[in-house]
Amino acid sequence: MPGRTQTRGDELRVSCFCGGLSFTLSPSSCCVGFPQMPLFAICRYPGCGCRIEFGERYCEKHKADAAKRYEPARKRLTASQRGYTSRWRRVSQEFLKAHPLCAECERNGRITPATCVDHIKPHKGDFKLFWDQSNWQPLCAACHSRKTASEDGGFGNKASRNT
């Protein structure tokens, strides 16, 4: 159990609370007498746990799979590149002021404040469709997440083909 640590010049003095262990480290004595441990890491693939060289992320078995798994996220454009700019934030807030209730909750007989503006038909980079207000609907965060996950294939869902 670590106790007190004191520094004096270049030296570091560490002592245990019980007083049984005390040692001094200085730049000249650092790691002298201690065996050098090889540095390794653990494969980050879920459930693997293989030892790998320090600095690597995956073992040889999982490198290719991990590259395929995370490749779509690297190719995705930024929110700004997809059209979600300060102009979008301003216009979508105006839309929410004019349409304050979640459209999906209203269809199901609930009254919930809308917090997101959803594109009814995903625009997929078509900026004409992106700015078409007849393609917008107000949704609460829960309904928007549910709809987006079903369309894009999030949370283990398969991506829907009808969009």
Protein backbone atom coordinates (compact mmCIF):
# COMPACT_ATOMS: atom_id res chain seq x y z
CA MET A 1 0.00 0.00 0.00
CA PRO A 2 1.58 3.31 -1.00
CA GLY A 3 2.35 5.74 1.75
CA ARG A 4 4.16 9.01 1.54
CA THR A 5 6.01 10.27 -1.48
CA GLN A 6 8.67 12.93 -1.07
CA THR A 7 10.83 14.57 -3.69
CA ARG A 8 14.20 16.17 -3.12
CA GLY A 9 16.00 17.46 -6.20
CA ASP A 10 16.09 14.64 -8.74
CA GLU A 11 15.32 11.94 -6.15
CA LEU A 12 11.93 10.42 -5.36
CA ARG A 13 11.50 8.77 -1.94
CA VAL A 14 8.55 6.40 -1.50
CA SER A 15 7.62 4.73 1.79
CA CYS A 16 4.86 2.38 2.86
CA PHE A 17 2.32 3.35 5.55
CA CYS A 18 3.51 0.46 7.72
CA GLY A 19 7.09 1.67 7.43
CA GLY A 20 8.31 -1.71 6.23
CA LEU A 21 9.20 -0.65 2.69
CA SER A 22 11.15 2.39 1.73
CA PHE A 23 13.21 3.11 -1.35
CA THR A 24 14.72 6.03 -3.21
CA LEU A 25 14.71 6.48 -6.96
CA SER A 26 16.98 8.84 -8.79
CA PRO A 27 17.62 9.21 -12.53
CA SER A 28 20.79 7.16 -12.18
CA SER A 29 19.16 4.32 -10.19
CA CYS A 30 15.83 4.09 -12.01
CA CYS A 31 14.98 0.49 -12.89
CA VAL A 32 18.41 -0.77 -11.71
CA GLY A 33 17.98 -4.23 -10.26
CA PHE A 34 14.45 -4.66 -11.59
CA PRO A 35 13.87 -7.15 -14.42
CA GLN A 36 12.65 -5.55 -17.64
CA MET A 37 9.11 -6.73 -18.36
CA PRO A 38 8.13 -7.12 -22.00
CA LEU A 39 5.42 -4.67 -22.98
CA PHE A 40 2.27 -6.17 -24.42
CA ALA A 41 -1.36 -5.25 -24.93
CA ILE A 42 -4.60 -7.19 -25.26
CA CYS A 43 -6.47 -7.54 -28.57
CA ARG A 44 -9.43 -5.12 -28.49
CA TYR A 45 -11.71 -7.40 -30.50
CA PRO A 46 -14.73 -8.28 -28.30
CA GLY A 47 -14.08 -11.53 -26.43
CA CYS A 48 -10.57 -12.18 -27.82
CA GLY A 49 -8.04 -11.35 -25.11
CA CYS A 50 -4.93 -12.48 -27.05
CA ARG A 51 -1.63 -10.83 -26.12
CA ILE A 52 -0.34 -8.57 -28.88
CA GLU A 53 2.63 -6.30 -29.34
CA PHE A 54 2.37 -3.00 -27.49
CA GLY A 55 1.04 -0.30 -29.83
CA GLU A 56 -1.13 -2.67 -31.86
CA ARG A 57 -4.91 -2.75 -31.51
CA TYR A 58 -5.86 -6.21 -32.81
CA CYS A 59 -4.25 -9.64 -33.15
CA GLU A 60 -3.51 -11.01 -36.62
CA LYS A 61 -6.72 -13.06 -36.55
CA HIS A 62 -8.92 -9.97 -36.03
CA LYS A 63 -7.10 -7.18 -37.94
CA ALA A 64 -8.98 -7.73 -41.21
CA ASP A 65 -12.36 -8.16 -39.50
CA ALA A 66 -11.86 -5.01 -37.41
CA ALA A 67 -10.91 -3.02 -40.52
CA LYS A 68 -14.16 -4.10 -42.24
CA ARG A 69 -16.17 -3.49 -39.10
CA TYR A 70 -15.04 0.11 -38.58
CA GLU A 71 -14.51 1.13 -42.22
CA PRO A 72 -18.05 2.58 -42.75
CA ALA A 73 -17.60 4.95 -39.81
CA ARG A 74 -14.38 6.32 -41.31
CA LYS A 75 -16.00 6.92 -44.70
CA ARG A 76 -18.96 8.84 -43.27
CA LEU A 77 -18.99 12.57 -43.95
CA THR A 78 -19.03 15.02 -41.07
CA ALA A 79 -22.36 16.43 -39.90
CA SER A 80 -21.49 19.75 -41.53
CA GLN A 81 -20.65 18.04 -44.82
CA ARG A 82 -24.02 16.25 -44.66
CA GLY A 83 -25.82 19.63 -44.37
CA TYR A 84 -26.29 19.95 -40.61
CA THR A 85 -24.85 23.46 -40.35
CA SER A 86 -25.71 26.54 -38.29
CA ARG A 87 -28.30 27.36 -40.95
CA TRP A 88 -29.92 23.92 -40.37
CA ARG A 89 -29.92 24.43 -36.60
CA ARG A 90 -31.59 27.82 -36.94
CA VAL A 91 -34.23 26.66 -39.46
CA SER A 92 -34.96 23.42 -37.61
CA GLN A 93 -35.51 25.36 -34.34
CA GLU A 94 -37.99 27.62 -36.16
CA PHE A 95 -39.74 24.50 -37.50
CA LEU A 96 -39.98 23.05 -33.98
CA LYS A 97 -41.50 26.30 -32.68
CA ALA A 98 -44.18 26.04 -35.36
CA HIS A 99 -44.65 22.25 -34.78
CA PRO A 100 -44.03 21.64 -31.07
CA LEU A 101 -45.43 18.10 -30.70
CA CYS A 102 -43.98 14.77 -31.80
CA ALA A 103 -45.84 13.56 -34.90
CA GLU A 104 -45.30 9.85 -34.15
CA CYS A 105 -46.51 10.16 -30.55
CA GLU A 106 -49.58 12.07 -31.76
CA ARG A 107 -50.37 9.21 -34.17
CA ASN A 108 -50.25 6.86 -31.17
CA GLY A 109 -52.44 9.07 -28.96
CA ARG A 110 -49.65 10.53 -26.81
CA ILE A 111 -48.67 14.16 -26.34
CA THR A 112 -44.88 14.58 -26.27
CA PRO A 113 -42.80 17.66 -27.05
CA ALA A 114 -40.77 17.38 -30.24
CA THR A 115 -37.01 17.88 -29.93
CA CYS A 116 -35.79 16.78 -33.39
CA VAL A 117 -36.66 17.56 -36.97
CA ASP A 118 -36.71 14.33 -38.95
CA HIS A 119 -36.49 13.82 -42.69
CA ILE A 120 -39.46 11.57 -43.49
CA LYS A 121 -37.66 10.18 -46.52
CA PRO A 122 -33.90 10.03 -45.88
CA HIS A 123 -32.18 12.59 -48.09
CA LYS A 124 -28.92 10.58 -48.52
CA GLY A 125 -27.02 13.69 -49.64
CA ASP A 126 -29.76 15.15 -51.89
CA PHE A 127 -29.79 18.76 -50.67
CA LYS A 128 -33.01 19.58 -52.51
CA LEU A 129 -34.75 16.85 -50.47
CA PHE A 130 -32.79 17.92 -47.37
CA TRP A 131 -34.29 21.44 -47.43
CA ASP A 132 -37.81 20.40 -48.59
CA GLN A 133 -39.95 21.19 -45.53
CA SER A 134 -42.74 18.91 -46.77
CA ASN A 135 -40.24 16.09 -46.08
CA TRP A 136 -39.77 17.18 -42.44
CA GLN A 137 -41.61 16.00 -39.35
CA PRO A 138 -41.19 16.92 -35.69
CA LEU A 139 -40.21 13.97 -33.46
CA CYS A 140 -39.22 13.45 -29.86
CA ALA A 141 -35.71 12.04 -29.31
CA ALA A 142 -37.00 8.51 -28.57
CA CYS A 143 -39.09 8.31 -31.76
CA HIS A 144 -36.29 9.81 -33.84
CA SER A 145 -33.74 7.31 -32.49
CA ARG A 146 -36.13 4.41 -33.10
CA LYS A 147 -36.86 5.53 -36.68
CA THR A 148 -33.20 6.20 -37.51
CA ALA A 149 -32.11 2.85 -36.08
CA SER A 150 -34.70 0.98 -38.13
CA GLU A 151 -33.71 2.82 -41.32
CA ASP A 152 -29.93 2.75 -40.90
CA GLY A 153 -29.61 -0.63 -39.24
CA GLY A 154 -28.54 0.56 -35.80
CA PHE A 155 -28.88 -1.39 -32.52
CA GLY A 156 -28.69 -4.74 -34.32
CA ASN A 157 -31.51 -3.95 -36.74
CA LYS A 158 -31.16 -4.69 -40.41
CA ALA A 159 -31.24 -1.58 -42.61
CA SER A 160 -34.66 -1.13 -44.20
CA ARG A 161 -34.80 -1.33 -47.99
CA ASN A 162 -37.94 0.79 -48.46
CA THR A 163 -36.09 4.11 -48.21
